[in-house]
Full PDB file with SEQRES, HELIX, SHEET, SSBOND, CRYST1, ORIGX, SCALE, CONECT and MASTER records, all heavy atoms in Angstrom:
SEQRES   1 A   33  ALA PHE TYR HIS ASP SER THR ASP ILE SER ASP PRO ARG          
SEQRES   2 A   33  GLN ARG GLU ILE ALA SER HIS ARG LEU ILE ALA LYS MET          
SEQRES   3 A   33  PRO THR ILE ALA ALA MET ALA                                  
HELIX    1 AA1 HIS A    4  SER A    6  5                                   3    
HELIX    2 AA2 PRO A   12  MET A   32  1                                  21    
CRYST1    1.000    1.000    1.000  90.00  90.00  90.00 P 1           1          
ORIGX1      1.000000  0.000000  0.000000        0.00000                         
ORIGX2      0.000000  1.000000  0.000000        0.00000                         
ORIGX3      0.000000  0.000000  1.000000        0.00000                         
SCALE1      1.000000  0.000000  0.000000        0.00000                         
SCALE2      0.000000  1.000000  0.000000        0.00000                         
SCALE3      0.000000  0.000000  1.000000        0.00000                         
ATOM      1  N   ALA A   1      35.868 -23.346  -0.442  1.00  0.00           N  
ATOM      2  CA  ALA A   1      34.647 -24.102  -0.682  1.00  0.00           C  
ATOM      3  C   ALA A   1      34.222 -23.993  -2.058  1.00  0.00           C  
ATOM      4  O   ALA A   1      33.266 -24.754  -2.501  1.00  0.00           O  
ATOM      5  CB  ALA A   1      33.566 -23.633   0.244  1.00  0.00           C  
ATOM      6  N   PHE A   2      34.788 -23.124  -2.857  1.00  0.00           N  
ATOM      7  CA  PHE A   2      34.330 -22.874  -4.261  1.00  0.00           C  
ATOM      8  C   PHE A   2      35.373 -23.326  -5.332  1.00  0.00           C  
ATOM      9  O   PHE A   2      35.004 -23.586  -6.443  1.00  0.00           O  
ATOM     10  CB  PHE A   2      33.988 -21.386  -4.447  1.00  0.00           C  
ATOM     11  CG  PHE A   2      32.742 -21.000  -3.742  1.00  0.00           C  
ATOM     12  CD1 PHE A   2      32.758 -20.524  -2.429  1.00  0.00           C  
ATOM     13  CD2 PHE A   2      31.585 -20.982  -4.343  1.00  0.00           C  
ATOM     14  CE1 PHE A   2      31.660 -20.182  -1.767  1.00  0.00           C  
ATOM     15  CE2 PHE A   2      30.339 -20.616  -3.728  1.00  0.00           C  
ATOM     16  CZ  PHE A   2      30.397 -20.198  -2.385  1.00  0.00           C  
ATOM     17  N   TYR A   3      36.636 -23.285  -4.865  1.00  0.00           N  
ATOM     18  CA  TYR A   3      37.699 -23.545  -5.861  1.00  0.00           C  
ATOM     19  C   TYR A   3      38.435 -24.835  -5.455  1.00  0.00           C  
ATOM     20  O   TYR A   3      39.592 -24.795  -5.040  1.00  0.00           O  
ATOM     21  CB  TYR A   3      38.580 -22.393  -5.978  1.00  0.00           C  
ATOM     22  CG  TYR A   3      37.833 -21.131  -6.455  1.00  0.00           C  
ATOM     23  CD1 TYR A   3      37.569 -20.123  -5.539  1.00  0.00           C  
ATOM     24  CD2 TYR A   3      37.395 -20.967  -7.736  1.00  0.00           C  
ATOM     25  CE1 TYR A   3      36.856 -18.932  -5.958  1.00  0.00           C  
ATOM     26  CE2 TYR A   3      36.668 -19.862  -8.162  1.00  0.00           C  
ATOM     27  CZ  TYR A   3      36.406 -18.914  -7.196  1.00  0.00           C  
ATOM     28  OH  TYR A   3      35.755 -17.789  -7.681  1.00  0.00           O  
ATOM     29  N   HIS A   4      37.782 -25.971  -5.549  1.00  0.00           N  
ATOM     30  CA  HIS A   4      38.325 -27.274  -5.099  1.00  0.00           C  
ATOM     31  C   HIS A   4      39.461 -27.679  -5.989  1.00  0.00           C  
ATOM     32  O   HIS A   4      40.399 -28.476  -5.537  1.00  0.00           O  
ATOM     33  CB  HIS A   4      37.272 -28.376  -5.130  1.00  0.00           C  
ATOM     34  CG  HIS A   4      36.054 -28.088  -4.241  1.00  0.00           C  
ATOM     35  ND1 HIS A   4      36.109 -28.114  -2.891  1.00  0.00           N  
ATOM     36  CD2 HIS A   4      34.804 -27.728  -4.555  1.00  0.00           C  
ATOM     37  CE1 HIS A   4      34.922 -27.767  -2.340  1.00  0.00           C  
ATOM     38  NE2 HIS A   4      34.115 -27.546  -3.363  1.00  0.00           N  
ATOM     39  N   ASP A   5      39.540 -27.178  -7.183  1.00  0.00           N  
ATOM     40  CA  ASP A   5      40.573 -27.573  -8.107  1.00  0.00           C  
ATOM     41  C   ASP A   5      41.841 -26.908  -7.950  1.00  0.00           C  
ATOM     42  O   ASP A   5      42.796 -27.083  -8.775  1.00  0.00           O  
ATOM     43  CB  ASP A   5      40.128 -27.382  -9.626  1.00  0.00           C  
ATOM     44  CG  ASP A   5      39.751 -25.978  -9.909  1.00  0.00           C  
ATOM     45  OD1 ASP A   5      39.499 -25.174  -8.932  1.00  0.00           O  
ATOM     46  OD2 ASP A   5      39.817 -25.528 -11.080  1.00  0.00           O  
ATOM     47  N   SER A   6      42.027 -26.116  -6.850  1.00  0.00           N  
ATOM     48  CA  SER A   6      43.326 -25.473  -6.607  1.00  0.00           C  
ATOM     49  C   SER A   6      43.603 -25.477  -5.118  1.00  0.00           C  
ATOM     50  O   SER A   6      44.201 -24.521  -4.591  1.00  0.00           O  
ATOM     51  CB  SER A   6      43.311 -24.043  -7.116  1.00  0.00           C  
ATOM     52  OG  SER A   6      42.242 -23.293  -6.578  1.00  0.00           O  
ATOM     53  N   THR A   7      43.275 -26.507  -4.418  1.00  0.00           N  
ATOM     54  CA  THR A   7      43.566 -26.683  -3.051  1.00  0.00           C  
ATOM     55  C   THR A   7      44.599 -27.783  -2.707  1.00  0.00           C  
ATOM     56  O   THR A   7      44.947 -27.985  -1.533  1.00  0.00           O  
ATOM     57  CB  THR A   7      42.304 -26.922  -2.193  1.00  0.00           C  
ATOM     58  OG1 THR A   7      41.643 -28.079  -2.718  1.00  0.00           O  
ATOM     59  CG2 THR A   7      41.352 -25.798  -2.293  1.00  0.00           C  
ATOM     60  N   ASP A   8      44.983 -28.556  -3.695  1.00  0.00           N  
ATOM     61  CA  ASP A   8      45.948 -29.540  -3.490  1.00  0.00           C  
ATOM     62  C   ASP A   8      47.402 -28.991  -3.531  1.00  0.00           C  
ATOM     63  O   ASP A   8      47.896 -28.765  -4.560  1.00  0.00           O  
ATOM     64  CB  ASP A   8      45.800 -30.668  -4.549  1.00  0.00           C  
ATOM     65  CG  ASP A   8      46.840 -31.817  -4.297  1.00  0.00           C  
ATOM     66  OD1 ASP A   8      47.643 -31.731  -3.375  1.00  0.00           O  
ATOM     67  OD2 ASP A   8      46.783 -32.824  -5.183  1.00  0.00           O  
ATOM     68  N   ILE A   9      47.923 -28.750  -2.379  1.00  0.00           N  
ATOM     69  CA  ILE A   9      49.216 -28.020  -2.272  1.00  0.00           C  
ATOM     70  C   ILE A   9      50.384 -28.927  -2.734  1.00  0.00           C  
ATOM     71  O   ILE A   9      51.525 -28.423  -2.973  1.00  0.00           O  
ATOM     72  CB  ILE A   9      49.490 -27.576  -0.833  1.00  0.00           C  
ATOM     73  CG1 ILE A   9      49.614 -28.741   0.150  1.00  0.00           C  
ATOM     74  CG2 ILE A   9      48.398 -26.619  -0.386  1.00  0.00           C  
ATOM     75  CD1 ILE A   9      50.016 -28.326   1.539  1.00  0.00           C  
ATOM     76  N   SER A  10      50.194 -30.190  -2.928  1.00  0.00           N  
ATOM     77  CA  SER A  10      51.280 -31.021  -3.477  1.00  0.00           C  
ATOM     78  C   SER A  10      51.446 -30.906  -5.004  1.00  0.00           C  
ATOM     79  O   SER A  10      52.388 -31.441  -5.527  1.00  0.00           O  
ATOM     80  CB  SER A  10      51.005 -32.509  -3.046  1.00  0.00           C  
ATOM     81  OG  SER A  10      49.862 -32.974  -3.670  1.00  0.00           O  
ATOM     82  N   ASP A  11      50.420 -30.254  -5.576  1.00  0.00           N  
ATOM     83  CA  ASP A  11      50.405 -30.176  -7.071  1.00  0.00           C  
ATOM     84  C   ASP A  11      50.902 -28.712  -7.480  1.00  0.00           C  
ATOM     85  O   ASP A  11      50.155 -27.733  -7.208  1.00  0.00           O  
ATOM     86  CB  ASP A  11      48.999 -30.400  -7.601  1.00  0.00           C  
ATOM     87  CG  ASP A  11      48.962 -30.359  -9.081  1.00  0.00           C  
ATOM     88  OD1 ASP A  11      49.931 -29.861  -9.754  1.00  0.00           O  
ATOM     89  OD2 ASP A  11      47.909 -30.861  -9.657  1.00  0.00           O  
ATOM     90  N   PRO A  12      52.081 -28.593  -8.116  1.00  0.00           N  
ATOM     91  CA  PRO A  12      52.586 -27.252  -8.461  1.00  0.00           C  
ATOM     92  C   PRO A  12      51.644 -26.482  -9.304  1.00  0.00           C  
ATOM     93  O   PRO A  12      51.555 -25.274  -9.169  1.00  0.00           O  
ATOM     94  CB  PRO A  12      53.896 -27.603  -9.165  1.00  0.00           C  
ATOM     95  CG  PRO A  12      54.365 -28.911  -8.694  1.00  0.00           C  
ATOM     96  CD  PRO A  12      53.077 -29.690  -8.435  1.00  0.00           C  
ATOM     97  N   ARG A  13      50.925 -27.213 -10.236  1.00  0.00           N  
ATOM     98  CA  ARG A  13      50.021 -26.474 -11.095  1.00  0.00           C  
ATOM     99  C   ARG A  13      48.816 -25.932 -10.300  1.00  0.00           C  
ATOM    100  O   ARG A  13      48.393 -24.779 -10.584  1.00  0.00           O  
ATOM    101  CB  ARG A  13      49.476 -27.469 -12.203  1.00  0.00           C  
ATOM    102  CG  ARG A  13      48.428 -26.866 -13.141  1.00  0.00           C  
ATOM    103  CD  ARG A  13      48.951 -25.554 -13.810  1.00  0.00           C  
ATOM    104  NE  ARG A  13      47.950 -24.985 -14.639  1.00  0.00           N  
ATOM    105  CZ  ARG A  13      47.890 -23.689 -15.042  1.00  0.00           C  
ATOM    106  NH1 ARG A  13      48.887 -22.901 -14.533  1.00  0.00           N  
ATOM    107  NH2 ARG A  13      47.034 -23.274 -15.838  1.00  0.00           N  
ATOM    108  N   GLN A  14      48.318 -26.683  -9.313  1.00  0.00           N  
ATOM    109  CA  GLN A  14      47.245 -26.182  -8.481  1.00  0.00           C  
ATOM    110  C   GLN A  14      47.667 -25.020  -7.630  1.00  0.00           C  
ATOM    111  O   GLN A  14      46.930 -24.060  -7.399  1.00  0.00           O  
ATOM    112  CB  GLN A  14      46.605 -27.277  -7.660  1.00  0.00           C  
ATOM    113  CG  GLN A  14      45.861 -28.385  -8.430  1.00  0.00           C  
ATOM    114  CD  GLN A  14      44.886 -29.138  -7.575  1.00  0.00           C  
ATOM    115  OE1 GLN A  14      44.414 -28.691  -6.603  1.00  0.00           O  
ATOM    116  NE2 GLN A  14      44.663 -30.407  -8.006  1.00  0.00           N  
ATOM    117  N   ARG A  15      48.928 -25.090  -7.185  1.00  0.00           N  
ATOM    118  CA  ARG A  15      49.423 -23.960  -6.419  1.00  0.00           C  
ATOM    119  C   ARG A  15      49.521 -22.652  -7.227  1.00  0.00           C  
ATOM    120  O   ARG A  15      49.165 -21.521  -6.769  1.00  0.00           O  
ATOM    121  CB  ARG A  15      50.825 -24.299  -5.869  1.00  0.00           C  
ATOM    122  CG  ARG A  15      50.847 -25.374  -4.799  1.00  0.00           C  
ATOM    123  CD  ARG A  15      52.074 -25.329  -3.963  1.00  0.00           C  
ATOM    124  NE  ARG A  15      53.384 -25.361  -4.617  1.00  0.00           N  
ATOM    125  CZ  ARG A  15      54.004 -26.563  -4.910  1.00  0.00           C  
ATOM    126  NH1 ARG A  15      53.592 -27.691  -4.417  1.00  0.00           N  
ATOM    127  NH2 ARG A  15      55.185 -26.520  -5.496  1.00  0.00           N  
ATOM    128  N   GLU A  16      49.905 -22.826  -8.571  1.00  0.00           N  
ATOM    129  CA  GLU A  16      49.970 -21.689  -9.403  1.00  0.00           C  
ATOM    130  C   GLU A  16      48.632 -21.175  -9.664  1.00  0.00           C  
ATOM    131  O   GLU A  16      48.359 -19.884  -9.682  1.00  0.00           O  
ATOM    132  CB  GLU A  16      50.648 -22.167 -10.730  1.00  0.00           C  
ATOM    133  CG  GLU A  16      50.794 -21.000 -11.674  1.00  0.00           C  
ATOM    134  CD  GLU A  16      51.421 -21.377 -13.014  1.00  0.00           C  
ATOM    135  OE1 GLU A  16      51.019 -22.435 -13.605  1.00  0.00           O  
ATOM    136  OE2 GLU A  16      52.358 -20.715 -13.490  1.00  0.00           O  
ATOM    137  N   ILE A  17      47.581 -22.033  -9.882  1.00  0.00           N  
ATOM    138  CA  ILE A  17      46.200 -21.531 -10.222  1.00  0.00           C  
ATOM    139  C   ILE A  17      45.677 -20.810  -8.989  1.00  0.00           C  
ATOM    140  O   ILE A  17      45.035 -19.756  -9.107  1.00  0.00           O  
ATOM    141  CB  ILE A  17      45.351 -22.742 -10.499  1.00  0.00           C  
ATOM    142  CG1 ILE A  17      45.752 -23.352 -11.806  1.00  0.00           C  
ATOM    143  CG2 ILE A  17      43.908 -22.337 -10.580  1.00  0.00           C  
ATOM    144  CD1 ILE A  17      45.008 -24.644 -12.198  1.00  0.00           C  
ATOM    145  N   ALA A  18      45.931 -21.348  -7.789  1.00  0.00           N  
ATOM    146  CA  ALA A  18      45.430 -20.692  -6.537  1.00  0.00           C  
ATOM    147  C   ALA A  18      46.079 -19.330  -6.388  1.00  0.00           C  
ATOM    148  O   ALA A  18      45.455 -18.349  -6.026  1.00  0.00           O  
ATOM    149  CB  ALA A  18      45.740 -21.541  -5.342  1.00  0.00           C  
ATOM    150  N   SER A  19      47.368 -19.215  -6.715  1.00  0.00           N  
ATOM    151  CA  SER A  19      48.031 -17.931  -6.677  1.00  0.00           C  
ATOM    152  C   SER A  19      47.484 -16.961  -7.592  1.00  0.00           C  
ATOM    153  O   SER A  19      47.206 -15.786  -7.217  1.00  0.00           O  
ATOM    154  CB  SER A  19      49.539 -18.160  -7.029  1.00  0.00           C  
ATOM    155  OG  SER A  19      50.157 -19.062  -6.093  1.00  0.00           O  
ATOM    156  N   HIS A  20      47.251 -17.329  -8.839  1.00  0.00           N  
ATOM    157  CA  HIS A  20      46.617 -16.416  -9.785  1.00  0.00           C  
ATOM    158  C   HIS A  20      45.209 -16.010  -9.353  1.00  0.00           C  
ATOM    159  O   HIS A  20      44.770 -14.760  -9.504  1.00  0.00           O  
ATOM    160  CB  HIS A  20      46.532 -17.064 -11.105  1.00  0.00           C  
ATOM    161  CG  HIS A  20      47.892 -17.309 -11.817  1.00  0.00           C  
ATOM    162  ND1 HIS A  20      48.132 -18.171 -12.846  1.00  0.00           N  
ATOM    163  CD2 HIS A  20      49.090 -16.671 -11.546  1.00  0.00           C  
ATOM    164  CE1 HIS A  20      49.339 -18.072 -13.202  1.00  0.00           C  
ATOM    165  NE2 HIS A  20      50.004 -17.223 -12.445  1.00  0.00           N  
ATOM    166  N   ARG A  21      44.504 -16.915  -8.784  1.00  0.00           N  
ATOM    167  CA  ARG A  21      43.083 -16.655  -8.395  1.00  0.00           C  
ATOM    168  C   ARG A  21      43.147 -15.549  -7.252  1.00  0.00           C  
ATOM    169  O   ARG A  21      42.342 -14.657  -7.251  1.00  0.00           O  
ATOM    170  CB  ARG A  21      42.403 -17.885  -7.984  1.00  0.00           C  
ATOM    171  CG  ARG A  21      41.860 -18.672  -9.139  1.00  0.00           C  
ATOM    172  CD  ARG A  21      41.254 -19.983  -8.713  1.00  0.00           C  
ATOM    173  NE  ARG A  21      40.530 -20.658  -9.807  1.00  0.00           N  
ATOM    174  CZ  ARG A  21      40.144 -21.917  -9.900  1.00  0.00           C  
ATOM    175  NH1 ARG A  21      40.529 -22.712  -8.883  1.00  0.00           N  
ATOM    176  NH2 ARG A  21      39.555 -22.364 -10.942  1.00  0.00           N  
ATOM    177  N   LEU A  22      44.014 -15.722  -6.263  1.00  0.00           N  
ATOM    178  CA  LEU A  22      44.071 -14.858  -5.160  1.00  0.00           C  
ATOM    179  C   LEU A  22      44.448 -13.430  -5.592  1.00  0.00           C  
ATOM    180  O   LEU A  22      43.866 -12.485  -5.169  1.00  0.00           O  
ATOM    181  CB  LEU A  22      44.917 -15.376  -4.053  1.00  0.00           C  
ATOM    182  CG  LEU A  22      44.417 -16.506  -3.207  1.00  0.00           C  
ATOM    183  CD1 LEU A  22      45.466 -17.298  -2.539  1.00  0.00           C  
ATOM    184  CD2 LEU A  22      43.419 -15.889  -2.227  1.00  0.00           C  
ATOM    185  N   ILE A  23      45.440 -13.345  -6.427  1.00  0.00           N  
ATOM    186  CA  ILE A  23      45.876 -12.018  -6.887  1.00  0.00           C  
ATOM    187  C   ILE A  23      44.772 -11.364  -7.733  1.00  0.00           C  
ATOM    188  O   ILE A  23      44.526 -10.167  -7.591  1.00  0.00           O  
ATOM    189  CB  ILE A  23      47.140 -12.151  -7.795  1.00  0.00           C  
ATOM    190  CG1 ILE A  23      48.318 -12.586  -6.933  1.00  0.00           C  
ATOM    191  CG2 ILE A  23      47.507 -10.822  -8.439  1.00  0.00           C  
ATOM    192  CD1 ILE A  23      49.562 -12.969  -7.708  1.00  0.00           C  
ATOM    193  N   ALA A  24      44.150 -12.171  -8.557  1.00  0.00           N  
ATOM    194  CA  ALA A  24      43.082 -11.521  -9.453  1.00  0.00           C  
ATOM    195  C   ALA A  24      41.824 -11.188  -8.676  1.00  0.00           C  
ATOM    196  O   ALA A  24      41.200 -10.174  -8.974  1.00  0.00           O  
ATOM    197  CB  ALA A  24      42.755 -12.618 -10.535  1.00  0.00           C  
ATOM    198  N   LYS A  25      41.439 -11.996  -7.749  1.00  0.00           N  
ATOM    199  CA  LYS A  25      40.174 -11.808  -7.072  1.00  0.00           C  
ATOM    200  C   LYS A  25      40.147 -10.931  -5.840  1.00  0.00           C  
ATOM    201  O   LYS A  25      39.101 -10.434  -5.402  1.00  0.00           O  
ATOM    202  CB  LYS A  25      39.487 -13.210  -6.766  1.00  0.00           C  
ATOM    203  CG  LYS A  25      39.259 -14.012  -7.956  1.00  0.00           C  
ATOM    204  CD  LYS A  25      38.763 -15.396  -7.647  1.00  0.00           C  
ATOM    205  CE  LYS A  25      38.779 -16.338  -8.861  1.00  0.00           C  
ATOM    206  NZ  LYS A  25      38.057 -15.845 -10.051  1.00  0.00           N  
ATOM    207  N   MET A  26      41.310 -10.722  -5.286  1.00  0.00           N  
ATOM    208  CA  MET A  26      41.436  -9.932  -4.024  1.00  0.00           C  
ATOM    209  C   MET A  26      40.832  -8.494  -4.261  1.00  0.00           C  
ATOM    210  O   MET A  26      40.130  -7.978  -3.356  1.00  0.00           O  
ATOM    211  CB  MET A  26      42.844  -9.921  -3.465  1.00  0.00           C  
ATOM    212  CG  MET A  26      42.921  -9.519  -2.045  1.00  0.00           C  
ATOM    213  SD  MET A  26      42.086 -10.750  -0.911  1.00  0.00           S  
ATOM    214  CE  MET A  26      43.278 -11.986  -0.860  1.00  0.00           C  
ATOM    215  N   PRO A  27      41.231  -7.791  -5.289  1.00  0.00           N  
ATOM    216  CA  PRO A  27      40.569  -6.428  -5.508  1.00  0.00           C  
ATOM    217  C   PRO A  27      39.077  -6.511  -5.583  1.00  0.00           C  
ATOM    218  O   PRO A  27      38.394  -5.603  -5.055  1.00  0.00           O  
ATOM    219  CB  PRO A  27      41.212  -6.032  -6.836  1.00  0.00           C  
ATOM    220  CG  PRO A  27      42.437  -6.789  -7.023  1.00  0.00           C  
ATOM    221  CD  PRO A  27      42.097  -8.146  -6.420  1.00  0.00           C  
ATOM    222  N   THR A  28      38.521  -7.499  -6.209  1.00  0.00           N  
ATOM    223  CA  THR A  28      37.069  -7.646  -6.359  1.00  0.00           C  
ATOM    224  C   THR A  28      36.452  -7.857  -4.964  1.00  0.00           C  
ATOM    225  O   THR A  28      35.455  -7.258  -4.649  1.00  0.00           O  
ATOM    226  CB  THR A  28      36.737  -8.883  -7.245  1.00  0.00           C  
ATOM    227  OG1 THR A  28      37.481  -8.688  -8.480  1.00  0.00           O  
ATOM    228  CG2 THR A  28      35.250  -8.906  -7.494  1.00  0.00           C  
ATOM    229  N   ILE A  29      37.053  -8.715  -4.156  1.00  0.00           N  
ATOM    230  CA  ILE A  29      36.606  -8.946  -2.865  1.00  0.00           C  
ATOM    231  C   ILE A  29      36.683  -7.720  -1.929  1.00  0.00           C  
ATOM    232  O   ILE A  29      35.690  -7.444  -1.257  1.00  0.00           O  
ATOM    233  CB  ILE A  29      37.296 -10.179  -2.171  1.00  0.00           C  
ATOM    234  CG1 ILE A  29      37.011 -11.454  -2.901  1.00  0.00           C  
ATOM    235  CG2 ILE A  29      36.995 -10.357  -0.702  1.00  0.00           C  
ATOM    236  CD1 ILE A  29      37.865 -12.602  -2.556  1.00  0.00           C  
ATOM    237  N   ALA A  30      37.749  -7.062  -1.976  1.00  0.00           N  
ATOM    238  CA  ALA A  30      37.936  -5.811  -1.199  1.00  0.00           C  
ATOM    239  C   ALA A  30      36.882  -4.740  -1.629  1.00  0.00           C  
ATOM    240  O   ALA A  30      36.316  -4.031  -0.745  1.00  0.00           O  
ATOM    241  CB  ALA A  30      39.376  -5.281  -1.368  1.00  0.00           C  
ATOM    242  N   ALA A  31      36.730  -4.596  -2.943  1.00  0.00           N  
ATOM    243  CA  ALA A  31      35.798  -3.571  -3.437  1.00  0.00           C  
ATOM    244  C   ALA A  31      34.338  -3.894  -2.987  1.00  0.00           C  
ATOM    245  O   ALA A  31      33.558  -3.073  -2.626  1.00  0.00           O  
ATOM    246  CB  ALA A  31      35.933  -3.496  -4.942  1.00  0.00           C  
ATOM    247  N   MET A  32      34.036  -5.228  -3.114  1.00  0.00           N  
ATOM    248  CA  MET A  32      32.686  -5.662  -2.668  1.00  0.00           C  
ATOM    249  C   MET A  32      32.463  -5.501  -1.266  1.00  0.00           C  
ATOM    250  O   MET A  32      31.348  -5.091  -0.758  1.00  0.00           O  
ATOM    251  CB  MET A  32      32.483  -7.125  -3.067  1.00  0.00           C  
ATOM    252  CG  MET A  32      32.407  -7.313  -4.546  1.00  0.00           C  
ATOM    253  SD  MET A  32      32.309  -9.108  -5.050  1.00  0.00           S  
ATOM    254  CE  MET A  32      30.640  -9.447  -4.575  1.00  0.00           C  
ATOM    255  N   ALA A  33      33.518  -5.677  -0.406  1.00  0.00           N  
ATOM    256  CA  ALA A  33      33.344  -5.445   1.036  1.00  0.00           C  
ATOM    257  C   ALA A  33      33.106  -4.021   1.344  1.00  0.00           C  
ATOM    258  O   ALA A  33      32.352  -3.564   2.176  1.00  0.00           O  
ATOM    259  CB  ALA A  33      34.722  -5.853   1.793  1.00  0.00           C  
TER     260      ALA A  33                                                      
MASTER        0    0    0    2    0    0    0    6  259    1    0    3          
END                                                                             
């Protein structure tokens, strides 16, 4: 709902951006939880 620019799975670049975001933000989300 926040990162609309990386949800188009048919676009390789958007898939890469989503991948980077998930790896980068998961520690932040886990720590905040």
